[in-house]
C-alpha atoms as a PDB file:
ATOM      1  CA  MET A   1     100.228 137.956 101.161  1.00  0.00           C
ATOM      2  CA  LEU A   2     101.271 134.373 102.058  1.00  0.00           C
ATOM      3  CA  GLN A   3     104.105 135.671 104.193  1.00  0.00           C
ATOM      4  CA  ARG A   4     101.784 137.998 106.110  1.00  0.00           C
ATOM      5  CA  THR A   5      99.203 135.249 106.626  1.00  0.00           C
ATOM      6  CA  MET A   6     101.818 132.786 107.943  1.00  0.00           C
ATOM      7  CA  MET A   7     103.625 135.347 110.138  1.00  0.00           C
ATOM      8  CA  PRO A   8     101.897 134.296 113.423  1.00  0.00           C
ATOM      9  CA  LEU A   9     103.044 130.719 112.840  1.00  0.00           C
ATOM     10  CA  VAL A  10     106.556 131.694 111.736  1.00  0.00           C
ATOM     11  CA  GLY A  11     106.862 133.823 114.871  1.00  0.00           C
ATOM     12  CA  THR A  12     105.787 131.040 117.250  1.00  0.00           C
ATOM     13  CA  ALA A  13     108.560 130.059 119.670  1.00  0.00           C
ATOM     14  CA  GLY A  14     110.403 126.946 118.505  1.00  0.00           C
ATOM     15  CA  VAL A  15     109.200 126.986 114.879  1.00  0.00           C
ATOM     16  CA  LYS A  16     112.187 126.487 112.558  1.00  0.00           C
ATOM     17  CA  SER A  17     110.386 126.638 109.204  1.00  0.00           C
ATOM     18  CA  VAL A  18     106.938 126.854 107.673  1.00  0.00           C
ATOM     19  CA  THR A  19     106.182 125.594 104.168  1.00  0.00           C
ATOM     20  CA  LEU A  20     102.983 125.816 102.116  1.00  0.00           C
ATOM     21  CA  PHE A  21     102.837 123.410  99.186  1.00  0.00           C
ATOM     22  CA  GLU A  22     100.392 122.100  96.625  1.00  0.00           C
ATOM     23  CA  ASN A  23      99.406 118.476  96.104  1.00  0.00           C
ATOM     24  CA  ASP A  24     101.938 118.151  93.286  1.00  0.00           C
ATOM     25  CA  ALA A  25     104.774 119.204  95.679  1.00  0.00           C
ATOM     26  CA  PHE A  26     105.050 122.721  94.227  1.00  0.00           C
ATOM     27  CA  VAL A  27     106.159 124.979  97.093  1.00  0.00           C
ATOM     28  CA  MET A  28     104.129 128.191  97.311  1.00  0.00           C
ATOM     29  CA  TYR A  29     105.801 129.623 100.421  1.00  0.00           C
ATOM     30  CA  ARG A  30     108.876 128.724 102.459  1.00  0.00           C
ATOM     31  CA  SER A  31     109.845 130.761 105.533  1.00  0.00           C
ATOM     32  CA  ASN A  32     113.318 129.203 105.881  1.00  0.00           C
ATOM     33  CA  GLU A  33     115.062 126.403 104.115  1.00  0.00           C
ATOM     34  CA  ASP A  34     115.999 123.260 105.981  1.00  0.00           C
ATOM     35  CA  THR A  35     116.075 119.515 105.323  1.00  0.00           C
ATOM     36  CA  THR A  36     112.357 119.132 106.131  1.00  0.00           C
ATOM     37  CA  ASN A  37     111.235 121.312 103.231  1.00  0.00           C
ATOM     38  CA  GLU A  38     113.667 120.527 100.425  1.00  0.00           C
ATOM     39  CA  ASP A  39     111.970 119.846  97.108  1.00  0.00           C
ATOM     40  CA  GLY A  40     112.477 116.083  97.306  1.00  0.00           C
ATOM     41  CA  GLN A  41     111.052 115.943 100.819  1.00  0.00           C
ATOM     42  CA  MET A  42     107.754 117.542  99.766  1.00  0.00           C
ATOM     43  CA  SER A  43     106.820 114.418  97.782  1.00  0.00           C
ATOM     44  CA  ARG A  44     107.417 112.313 100.893  1.00  0.00           C
ATOM     45  CA  TRP A  45     105.142 114.556 102.969  1.00  0.00           C
ATOM     46  CA  ILE A  46     102.430 114.269 100.316  1.00  0.00           C
ATOM     47  CA  SER A  47     102.794 110.474 100.383  1.00  0.00           C
ATOM     48  CA  ALA A  48     102.422 110.523 104.158  1.00  0.00           C
ATOM     49  CA  LEU A  49      99.244 112.608 103.896  1.00  0.00           C
ATOM     50  CA  ASP A  50      97.885 110.333 101.172  1.00  0.00           C
ATOM     51  CA  ALA A  51      98.623 107.256 103.304  1.00  0.00           C
ATOM     52  CA  SER A  52      96.365 108.553 106.076  1.00  0.00           C
ATOM     53  CA  PRO A  53      93.254 109.921 104.332  1.00  0.00           C
ATOM     54  CA  LYS A  54      91.173 110.032 107.531  1.00  0.00           C
ATOM     55  CA  SER A  55      93.525 112.462 109.246  1.00  0.00           C
ATOM     56  CA  ASN A  56      94.058 116.071 108.207  1.00  0.00           C
ATOM     57  CA  ARG A  57      97.026 116.446 110.541  1.00  0.00           C
ATOM     58  CA  LEU A  58     100.064 114.253 111.131  1.00  0.00           C
ATOM     59  CA  THR A  59     102.908 114.795 113.582  1.00  0.00           C
ATOM     60  CA  PHE A  60     106.314 113.169 113.177  1.00  0.00           C
ATOM     61  CA  ILE A  61     108.484 113.200 116.283  1.00  0.00           C
ATOM     62  CA  MET A  62     112.120 112.968 115.235  1.00  0.00           C
ATOM     63  CA  GLU A  63     115.484 113.145 116.936  1.00  0.00           C
ATOM     64  CA  HIS A  64     116.041 116.846 116.271  1.00  0.00           C
ATOM     65  CA  GLY A  65     112.463 118.095 116.564  1.00  0.00           C
ATOM     66  CA  SER A  66     109.037 117.497 115.080  1.00  0.00           C
ATOM     67  CA  VAL A  67     107.276 118.033 111.784  1.00  0.00           C
ATOM     68  CA  ILE A  68     103.564 118.770 111.741  1.00  0.00           C
ATOM     69  CA  LEU A  69     101.792 118.223 108.433  1.00  0.00           C
ATOM     70  CA  HIS A  70      98.360 119.726 107.905  1.00  0.00           C
ATOM     71  CA  ARG A  71      96.192 118.902 104.902  1.00  0.00           C
ATOM     72  CA  GLY A  72      94.438 122.022 103.646  1.00  0.00           C
ATOM     73  CA  GLU A  73      91.677 122.566 101.121  1.00  0.00           C
ATOM     74  CA  ARG A  74      94.043 123.894  98.440  1.00  0.00           C
ATOM     75  CA  LEU A  75      97.450 124.020 100.111  1.00  0.00           C
ATOM     76  CA  HIS A  76      99.166 121.740 102.585  1.00  0.00           C
ATOM     77  CA  LEU A  77     101.325 122.951 105.437  1.00  0.00           C
ATOM     78  CA  ALA A  78     104.557 121.550 106.894  1.00  0.00           C
ATOM     79  CA  VAL A  79     105.865 123.051 110.126  1.00  0.00           C
ATOM     80  CA  HIS A  80     109.302 122.048 111.412  1.00  0.00           C
ATOM     81  CA  CYS A  81     109.647 122.575 115.171  1.00  0.00           C
ATOM     82  CA  GLY A  82     112.506 122.318 117.616  1.00  0.00           C
ATOM     83  CA  PRO A  83     112.549 119.559 120.271  1.00  0.00           C
ATOM     84  CA  SER A  84     111.089 121.629 123.126  1.00  0.00           C
ATOM     85  CA  THR A  85     108.366 123.407 121.138  1.00  0.00           C
ATOM     86  CA  ASN A  86     104.804 123.602 122.464  1.00  0.00           C
ATOM     87  CA  LEU A  87     103.165 121.500 119.728  1.00  0.00           C
ATOM     88  CA  GLY A  88      99.650 122.338 120.919  1.00  0.00           C
ATOM     89  CA  GLU A  89     100.314 126.035 120.406  1.00  0.00           C
ATOM     90  CA  VAL A  90     101.812 125.352 116.971  1.00  0.00           C
ATOM     91  CA  ARG A  91      98.818 123.236 115.908  1.00  0.00           C
ATOM     92  CA  GLN A  92      96.341 125.887 117.060  1.00  0.00           C
ATOM     93  CA  THR A  93      98.250 128.715 115.365  1.00  0.00           C
ATOM     94  CA  ALA A  94      98.594 126.660 112.158  1.00  0.00           C
ATOM     95  CA  GLU A  95      94.842 126.046 112.100  1.00  0.00           C
ATOM     96  CA  THR A  96      94.161 129.770 112.492  1.00  0.00           C
ATOM     97  CA  CYS A  97      96.638 130.674 109.734  1.00  0.00           C
ATOM     98  CA  LEU A  98      95.153 128.121 107.319  1.00  0.00           C
ATOM     99  CA  GLU A  99      91.630 129.366 108.027  1.00  0.00           C
ATOM    100  CA  SER A 100      92.769 132.924 107.311  1.00  0.00           C
ATOM    101  CA  LEU A 101      94.468 131.787 104.115  1.00  0.00           C
ATOM    102  CA  HIS A 102      91.385 129.964 102.825  1.00  0.00           C
ATOM    103  CA  ASN A 103      89.077 132.849 103.737  1.00  0.00           C
ATOM    104  CA  LEU A 104      91.124 135.160 101.495  1.00  0.00           C
ATOM    105  CA  ALA A 105      90.375 133.098  98.393  1.00  0.00           C
END
């Protein structure tokens, strides 16, 4: 079910990986493995979300692409994108996927 719900995001041009994880860094879904979603990295993403409580979405622009973090009601989302990815499209698709996910519960 998670895979089907995240499929629009996974299929978005430029998206390298999509990861859904809980607040304790337990990964619920991982589309592909890469350095942005290794187990140790999940704790760092949670720390980044915790450090900015007023924002539900953070974007990190890095040398080899971007990582968009989205704080969800029950699950958080990390999306690793290539350098020329349309981040607006990714953010909009991520929002739609998270809404669908939370409506299933």
